[in-house]
Amino acid sequence: MTTPAVIFFVLGLVTQPKIDHILIRIGIILSPWRKQQIMVNNIPYNLTIRWFVLWRSSLTPQQSAPQRPSIEELLPQRRRKSIMIALYVGLISTIKLTLMTLSYANII
């Protein structure tokens, strides 16, 4: 059984997945916004990757048609992880700011 072709993002030092065919390999560590045009079965697609604050990646055809699928999120697990990290950082920062403010006002 062969595995389908995938798009592989390199965010750091990542081992190569065991797949038969890689469509594109992009090093995205220094570029938080990336837009790339790729060909899949002779159909042009736009690959969009944004990871500045929250992860977002999509694969959309250049010309929309019912026969050409559009993938709104390529890595939903990565998106959920980035949202959870952002919520955690926001919560911890709010607690620290509150404690610093209360300490400064000599309430604590």
N, C-alpha and C. Protein backbone atom coordinates (compact mmCIF):
# COMPACT_ATOMS: atom_id res chain seq x y z
N MET A 1 0.85 -1.18 0.00
CA MET A 1 0.00 0.00 0.00
C MET A 1 0.89 1.24 0.00
N THR A 2 0.63 2.15 -0.89
CA THR A 2 1.43 3.37 -0.97
C THR A 2 0.71 4.49 -0.25
N THR A 3 1.49 5.38 0.31
CA THR A 3 0.91 6.53 0.98
C THR A 3 0.76 7.66 -0.02
N PRO A 4 -0.21 8.54 0.18
CA PRO A 4 -0.40 9.63 -0.77
C PRO A 4 0.71 10.67 -0.66
N ALA A 5 0.82 11.48 -1.67
CA ALA A 5 1.79 12.57 -1.65
C ALA A 5 1.36 13.60 -0.62
N VAL A 6 2.31 14.16 0.07
CA VAL A 6 2.01 15.14 1.11
C VAL A 6 2.88 16.37 0.93
N ILE A 7 2.50 17.39 1.63
CA ILE A 7 3.29 18.62 1.68
C ILE A 7 4.00 18.61 3.02
N PHE A 8 5.30 18.84 3.03
CA PHE A 8 6.12 18.70 4.22
C PHE A 8 6.67 20.06 4.60
N PHE A 9 6.37 20.53 5.80
CA PHE A 9 6.86 21.80 6.29
C PHE A 9 8.04 21.55 7.22
N VAL A 10 9.08 22.31 7.07
CA VAL A 10 10.24 22.18 7.95
C VAL A 10 10.27 23.41 8.84
N LEU A 11 9.92 23.23 10.11
CA LEU A 11 9.95 24.35 11.04
C LEU A 11 11.25 24.36 11.83
N GLY A 12 11.89 23.26 11.95
CA GLY A 12 13.16 23.18 12.66
C GLY A 12 13.86 21.92 12.18
N LEU A 13 14.52 21.24 13.09
CA LEU A 13 15.14 19.97 12.74
C LEU A 13 14.08 18.88 12.89
N VAL A 14 13.58 18.42 11.77
CA VAL A 14 12.51 17.43 11.76
C VAL A 14 12.97 16.26 10.92
N THR A 15 12.71 15.06 11.39
CA THR A 15 13.06 13.90 10.59
C THR A 15 12.07 13.76 9.44
N GLN A 16 12.53 13.26 8.35
CA GLN A 16 11.70 13.15 7.16
C GLN A 16 10.67 12.04 7.37
N PRO A 17 9.38 12.32 7.07
CA PRO A 17 8.37 11.29 7.24
C PRO A 17 8.52 10.19 6.18
N LYS A 18 7.96 9.02 6.48
CA LYS A 18 8.04 7.90 5.55
C LYS A 18 6.87 8.00 4.57
N ILE A 19 7.12 8.62 3.44
CA ILE A 19 6.11 8.78 2.41
C ILE A 19 6.74 8.47 1.07
N ASP A 20 5.89 8.28 0.07
CA ASP A 20 6.39 7.93 -1.25
C ASP A 20 6.81 9.15 -2.07
N HIS A 21 6.09 10.26 -1.90
CA HIS A 21 6.35 11.40 -2.76
C HIS A 21 6.09 12.69 -1.99
N ILE A 22 7.06 13.57 -1.95
CA ILE A 22 6.91 14.88 -1.33
C ILE A 22 6.66 15.90 -2.43
N LEU A 23 5.55 16.62 -2.33
CA LEU A 23 5.23 17.63 -3.34
C LEU A 23 6.13 18.85 -3.21
N ILE A 24 6.31 19.30 -1.99
CA ILE A 24 7.12 20.50 -1.77
C ILE A 24 7.69 20.45 -0.36
N ARG A 25 8.90 20.92 -0.21
CA ARG A 25 9.53 21.03 1.10
C ARG A 25 9.91 22.49 1.29
N ILE A 26 9.40 23.09 2.36
CA ILE A 26 9.61 24.51 2.59
C ILE A 26 10.21 24.70 3.98
N GLY A 27 11.31 25.41 4.06
CA GLY A 27 11.86 25.82 5.35
C GLY A 27 11.18 27.11 5.77
N ILE A 28 10.39 27.07 6.84
CA ILE A 28 9.58 28.24 7.20
C ILE A 28 10.04 28.89 8.50
N ILE A 29 11.22 28.56 8.98
CA ILE A 29 11.66 29.07 10.28
C ILE A 29 11.87 30.59 10.25
N LEU A 30 12.33 31.16 9.18
CA LEU A 30 12.60 32.59 9.12
C LEU A 30 11.51 33.39 8.44
N SER A 31 10.50 32.75 7.91
CA SER A 31 9.44 33.44 7.20
C SER A 31 8.08 33.08 7.78
N PRO A 32 7.49 33.93 8.63
CA PRO A 32 6.22 33.57 9.25
C PRO A 32 5.03 33.63 8.28
N TRP A 33 5.18 34.31 7.16
CA TRP A 33 4.13 34.35 6.15
C TRP A 33 4.71 33.81 4.86
N ARG A 34 4.12 32.77 4.35
CA ARG A 34 4.63 32.14 3.13
C ARG A 34 3.47 31.83 2.20
N LYS A 35 3.60 32.23 0.95
CA LYS A 35 2.62 31.90 -0.07
C LYS A 35 3.38 31.31 -1.25
N GLN A 36 3.02 30.11 -1.65
CA GLN A 36 3.72 29.38 -2.69
C GLN A 36 2.70 28.81 -3.67
N GLN A 37 3.04 28.85 -4.95
CA GLN A 37 2.19 28.23 -5.96
C GLN A 37 2.78 26.86 -6.30
N ILE A 38 1.93 25.83 -6.24
CA ILE A 38 2.38 24.48 -6.56
C ILE A 38 1.40 23.85 -7.55
N MET A 39 1.86 22.81 -8.22
CA MET A 39 1.03 22.08 -9.18
C MET A 39 0.72 20.70 -8.59
N VAL A 40 -0.56 20.35 -8.53
CA VAL A 40 -1.00 19.05 -8.09
C VAL A 40 -1.88 18.47 -9.19
N ASN A 41 -1.45 17.39 -9.81
CA ASN A 41 -2.17 16.78 -10.94
C ASN A 41 -2.45 17.80 -12.04
N ASN A 42 -1.44 18.60 -12.36
CA ASN A 42 -1.51 19.64 -13.40
C ASN A 42 -2.56 20.70 -13.11
N ILE A 43 -2.89 20.90 -11.86
CA ILE A 43 -3.81 21.96 -11.44
C ILE A 43 -3.04 22.89 -10.52
N PRO A 44 -3.01 24.19 -10.83
CA PRO A 44 -2.27 25.12 -9.96
C PRO A 44 -3.02 25.40 -8.65
N TYR A 45 -2.30 25.30 -7.55
CA TYR A 45 -2.84 25.57 -6.22
C TYR A 45 -1.99 26.62 -5.54
N ASN A 46 -2.61 27.35 -4.61
CA ASN A 46 -1.90 28.29 -3.75
C ASN A 46 -1.76 27.67 -2.37
N LEU A 47 -0.54 27.55 -1.92
CA LEU A 47 -0.25 27.06 -0.58
C LEU A 47 0.07 28.27 0.29
N THR A 48 -0.71 28.47 1.34
CA THR A 48 -0.53 29.61 2.22
C THR A 48 -0.23 29.11 3.63
N ILE A 49 0.86 29.62 4.22
CA ILE A 49 1.26 29.24 5.57
C ILE A 49 1.51 30.52 6.36
N ARG A 50 0.85 30.63 7.51
CA ARG A 50 1.07 31.75 8.42
C ARG A 50 1.26 31.18 9.82
N TRP A 51 2.35 31.54 10.46
CA TRP A 51 2.58 31.02 11.81
C TRP A 51 3.13 32.09 12.75
N PHE A 52 2.85 33.35 12.49
CA PHE A 52 3.41 34.42 13.31
C PHE A 52 2.90 34.34 14.75
N VAL A 53 1.62 34.34 14.98
CA VAL A 53 1.05 34.20 16.32
C VAL A 53 0.31 32.87 16.42
N LEU A 54 -0.60 32.64 15.49
CA LEU A 54 -1.34 31.39 15.43
C LEU A 54 -1.06 30.69 14.11
N TRP A 55 -0.98 29.38 14.15
CA TRP A 55 -0.72 28.59 12.94
C TRP A 55 -1.94 28.61 12.04
N ARG A 56 -1.71 28.78 10.75
CA ARG A 56 -2.77 28.71 9.75
C ARG A 56 -2.14 28.25 8.45
N SER A 57 -2.67 27.20 7.84
CA SER A 57 -2.15 26.72 6.56
C SER A 57 -3.33 26.26 5.71
N SER A 58 -3.30 26.61 4.43
CA SER A 58 -4.40 26.22 3.54
C SER A 58 -3.86 25.94 2.15
N LEU A 59 -4.61 25.14 1.44
CA LEU A 59 -4.30 24.79 0.07
C LEU A 59 -5.55 25.04 -0.75
N THR A 60 -5.52 26.06 -1.61
CA THR A 60 -6.69 26.44 -2.40
C THR A 60 -6.32 26.48 -3.88
N PRO A 61 -7.25 26.07 -4.74
CA PRO A 61 -6.97 26.15 -6.18
C PRO A 61 -6.96 27.60 -6.65
N GLN A 62 -6.17 27.88 -7.68
CA GLN A 62 -6.14 29.25 -8.20
C GLN A 62 -7.48 29.64 -8.81
N GLN A 63 -8.13 28.67 -9.47
CA GLN A 63 -9.46 28.91 -10.02
C GLN A 63 -10.42 27.95 -9.32
N SER A 64 -11.39 28.51 -8.62
CA SER A 64 -12.31 27.69 -7.85
C SER A 64 -13.26 26.93 -8.77
N ALA A 65 -13.47 25.66 -8.45
CA ALA A 65 -14.39 24.80 -9.19
C ALA A 65 -14.82 23.65 -8.28
N PRO A 66 -16.01 23.08 -8.50
CA PRO A 66 -16.45 21.97 -7.65
C PRO A 66 -15.53 20.74 -7.74
N GLN A 67 -14.86 20.54 -8.87
CA GLN A 67 -13.98 19.38 -9.03
C GLN A 67 -12.64 19.59 -8.34
N ARG A 68 -12.32 20.80 -7.98
CA ARG A 68 -11.03 21.12 -7.36
C ARG A 68 -11.23 21.37 -5.87
N PRO A 69 -10.80 20.44 -5.06
CA PRO A 69 -11.02 20.61 -3.61
C PRO A 69 -10.13 21.70 -3.03
N SER A 70 -10.65 22.29 -1.98
CA SER A 70 -9.91 23.30 -1.23
C SER A 70 -9.78 22.81 0.20
N ILE A 71 -8.56 22.86 0.73
CA ILE A 71 -8.31 22.41 2.10
C ILE A 71 -8.07 23.66 2.94
N GLU A 72 -8.97 23.91 3.89
CA GLU A 72 -8.88 25.13 4.69
C GLU A 72 -7.79 25.06 5.74
N GLU A 73 -7.55 23.91 6.31
CA GLU A 73 -6.49 23.75 7.30
C GLU A 73 -5.76 22.44 7.03
N LEU A 74 -4.46 22.53 6.72
CA LEU A 74 -3.68 21.34 6.41
C LEU A 74 -3.27 20.57 7.65
N LEU A 75 -2.99 21.27 8.73
CA LEU A 75 -2.54 20.62 9.97
C LEU A 75 -3.40 21.09 11.14
N PRO A 76 -4.61 20.53 11.31
CA PRO A 76 -5.49 21.01 12.39
C PRO A 76 -4.91 20.79 13.78
N GLN A 77 -4.10 19.73 13.97
CA GLN A 77 -3.50 19.51 15.28
C GLN A 77 -2.53 20.64 15.62
N ARG A 78 -1.77 21.10 14.64
CA ARG A 78 -0.82 22.19 14.86
C ARG A 78 -1.57 23.48 15.18
N ARG A 79 -2.70 23.72 14.52
CA ARG A 79 -3.51 24.90 14.80
C ARG A 79 -4.05 24.86 16.24
N ARG A 80 -4.58 23.71 16.66
CA ARG A 80 -5.08 23.58 18.03
C ARG A 80 -3.97 23.80 19.04
N LYS A 81 -2.79 23.27 18.75
CA LYS A 81 -1.66 23.44 19.67
C LYS A 81 -1.26 24.91 19.78
N SER A 82 -1.23 25.63 18.67
CA SER A 82 -0.86 27.05 18.72
C SER A 82 -1.91 27.87 19.47
N ILE A 83 -3.19 27.51 19.34
CA ILE A 83 -4.24 28.21 20.08
C ILE A 83 -4.09 27.94 21.57
N MET A 84 -3.82 26.69 21.94
CA MET A 84 -3.66 26.36 23.36
C MET A 84 -2.44 27.06 23.96
N ILE A 85 -1.35 27.14 23.22
CA ILE A 85 -0.16 27.84 23.71
C ILE A 85 -0.45 29.32 23.89
N ALA A 86 -1.16 29.93 22.93
CA ALA A 86 -1.50 31.35 23.03
C ALA A 86 -2.41 31.60 24.24
N LEU A 87 -3.38 30.72 24.48
CA LEU A 87 -4.25 30.87 25.65
C LEU A 87 -3.46 30.72 26.95
N TYR A 88 -2.55 29.77 26.99
CA TYR A 88 -1.73 29.55 28.18
C TYR A 88 -0.85 30.77 28.47
N VAL A 89 -0.18 31.29 27.46
CA VAL A 89 0.67 32.46 27.63
C VAL A 89 -0.16 33.66 28.08
N GLY A 90 -1.34 33.82 27.49
CA GLY A 90 -2.22 34.93 27.88
C GLY A 90 -2.68 34.81 29.32
N LEU A 91 -3.04 33.60 29.74
CA LEU A 91 -3.50 33.39 31.11
C LEU A 91 -2.37 33.63 32.11
N ILE A 92 -1.20 33.07 31.86
CA ILE A 92 -0.06 33.25 32.77
C ILE A 92 0.34 34.73 32.83
N SER A 93 0.34 35.41 31.68
CA SER A 93 0.70 36.83 31.67
C SER A 93 -0.30 37.66 32.46
N THR A 94 -1.59 37.33 32.34
CA THR A 94 -2.61 38.04 33.10
C THR A 94 -2.44 37.82 34.60
N ILE A 95 -2.16 36.60 35.01
CA ILE A 95 -1.95 36.31 36.43
C ILE A 95 -0.72 37.06 36.94
N LYS A 96 0.38 37.04 36.19
CA LYS A 96 1.59 37.75 36.61
C LYS A 96 1.34 39.25 36.71
N LEU A 97 0.65 39.81 35.73
CA LEU A 97 0.37 41.25 35.73
C LEU A 97 -0.52 41.61 36.92
N THR A 98 -1.52 40.77 37.21
CA THR A 98 -2.40 41.02 38.35
C THR A 98 -1.62 40.96 39.66
N LEU A 99 -0.78 39.95 39.81
CA LEU A 99 0.01 39.83 41.05
C LEU A 99 0.99 40.99 41.20
N MET A 100 1.61 41.41 40.09
CA MET A 100 2.53 42.56 40.16
C MET A 100 1.79 43.83 40.52
N THR A 101 0.61 44.03 39.98
CA THR A 101 -0.18 45.24 40.27
C THR A 101 -0.63 45.24 41.73
N LEU A 102 -1.11 44.09 42.20
CA LEU A 102 -1.54 44.01 43.60
C LEU A 102 -0.35 44.16 44.54
N SER A 103 0.79 43.64 44.19
CA SER A 103 1.99 43.79 45.01
C SER A 103 2.45 45.23 45.05
N TYR A 104 2.41 45.90 43.92
CA TYR A 104 2.82 47.29 43.84
C TYR A 104 1.91 48.19 44.65
N ALA A 105 0.61 47.85 44.72
CA ALA A 105 -0.35 48.64 45.47
C ALA A 105 -0.38 48.23 46.94
N ASN A 106 0.52 47.34 47.35
CA ASN A 106 0.63 46.85 48.73
C ASN A 106 -0.67 46.22 49.22
N ILE A 107 -1.38 45.58 48.34
CA ILE A 107 -2.59 44.86 48.73
C ILE A 107 -2.23 43.43 49.17
N ILE A 108 -1.21 42.87 48.55
CA ILE A 108 -0.80 41.51 48.90
C ILE A 108 0.27 41.57 49.98
